[in-house]
Structures are given as C-alpha cells and as structure tokens.
Amino acid sequence: MPILPPSRTPQFRVGDKVVVVNPGSDKGKEGVVILVSGGTGDFVYRYNVQFEDGASKKYFGFEIEFVLSQSA
C-alpha cells in the first residue's frame, strides 16, 4: 500500500500581509495575498501577491514571509 503525504494546508491565506524575501528586484516589497492556488496533486501552493501600486505577482511559499508588526 503506498504511503500518502500528510494533508497540507496553505502557509498563507487570502488577506495575509507578506514581504518578498527571495533575491531579486522584488526583495523587500510588501503586499497582500489575493489568491492561493495549487496544492491538489503536488502539494505545492502558489500565492498571488498584490502590491500597493496595483501590480501582482505569483510566488512560492519560500519566497515570501509574513510582515512583522511594528508595535513596541
């Protein structure tokens, strides 16, 4: 009997505030997750992030992180 991977849930949800952490021109840009896709066959989710200027781009979970609160 094959061993199935455990059920995985997306790391981020629509509405989460995130920052791009992967190297490149978008590094440090903050935005909001507007769409979560994938995860059905390969268990890899992709996240569409919209930035303040209205542009959006798709990222894997390891390319973005939650924006930390600035409260102190």
Protein backbone atom coordinates (compact mmCIF):
# COMPACT_ATOMS: atom_id res chain seq x y z
CA MET A 1 0.00 0.00 0.00
CA PRO A 2 1.56 3.39 -0.98
CA ILE A 3 2.31 5.93 1.71
CA LEU A 4 0.46 9.16 1.04
CA PRO A 5 1.85 12.52 2.13
CA PRO A 6 0.05 14.14 5.06
CA SER A 7 -2.69 16.58 4.18
CA ARG A 8 -1.14 20.02 3.87
CA THR A 9 -2.76 23.37 4.25
CA PRO A 10 -1.53 26.58 2.66
CA GLN A 11 1.08 28.52 4.61
CA PHE A 12 -0.62 31.83 3.77
CA ARG A 13 -4.26 32.82 3.28
CA VAL A 14 -6.01 35.47 1.22
CA GLY A 15 -5.64 38.80 3.04
CA ASP A 16 -2.32 37.99 4.72
CA LYS A 17 0.26 40.78 4.58
CA VAL A 18 3.57 39.45 3.27
CA VAL A 19 7.03 40.62 2.25
CA VAL A 20 9.10 39.19 -0.62
CA VAL A 21 12.30 37.56 0.68
CA ASN A 22 13.71 35.90 -2.44
CA PRO A 23 16.70 37.54 -4.14
CA GLY A 24 15.78 39.85 -7.00
CA SER A 25 14.20 43.16 -7.80
CA ASP A 26 11.09 42.44 -5.67
CA LYS A 27 13.03 41.67 -2.47
CA GLY A 28 11.63 43.71 0.44
CA LYS A 29 8.39 44.64 -1.32
CA GLU A 30 5.29 44.25 0.84
CA GLY A 31 1.89 43.20 -0.42
CA VAL A 32 -1.26 41.24 0.31
CA VAL A 33 -2.07 37.66 -0.73
CA ILE A 34 -5.02 37.87 -3.15
CA LEU A 35 -5.15 34.26 -4.41
CA VAL A 36 -3.90 30.85 -3.28
CA SER A 37 -3.59 28.20 -5.99
CA GLY A 38 -2.16 24.71 -6.47
CA GLY A 39 -1.78 22.11 -3.79
CA THR A 40 -4.00 19.45 -5.33
CA GLY A 41 -1.55 16.97 -6.83
CA ASP A 42 1.87 18.20 -5.89
CA PHE A 43 1.04 19.78 -2.50
CA VAL A 44 2.90 22.94 -3.57
CA TYR A 45 0.94 26.14 -3.18
CA ARG A 46 1.45 29.34 -5.15
CA TYR A 47 0.46 32.74 -3.82
CA ASN A 48 -0.59 35.74 -5.90
CA VAL A 49 0.55 38.87 -4.08
CA GLN A 50 -0.74 42.33 -4.92
CA PHE A 51 1.45 45.34 -4.19
CA GLU A 52 0.41 48.92 -3.35
CA ASP A 53 0.98 50.04 -6.94
CA GLY A 54 -1.65 47.54 -8.11
CA ALA A 55 0.85 45.13 -9.68
CA SER A 56 0.65 41.47 -8.71
CA LYS A 57 2.98 38.51 -8.99
CA LYS A 58 2.91 34.80 -8.13
CA TYR A 59 5.31 33.34 -5.53
CA PHE A 60 6.04 30.04 -3.86
CA GLY A 61 5.76 29.94 -0.06
CA PHE A 62 9.53 30.01 0.48
CA GLU A 63 9.76 33.29 -1.46
CA ILE A 64 7.55 35.27 0.93
CA GLU A 65 7.14 35.73 4.68
CA PHE A 66 4.58 37.34 6.96
CA VAL A 67 5.05 41.06 7.55
CA LEU A 68 6.04 41.51 11.18
CA SER A 69 4.04 44.01 13.22
CA GLN A 70 5.81 47.24 14.06
CA SER A 71 4.25 47.52 17.53
CA ALA A 72 6.52 48.02 20.50
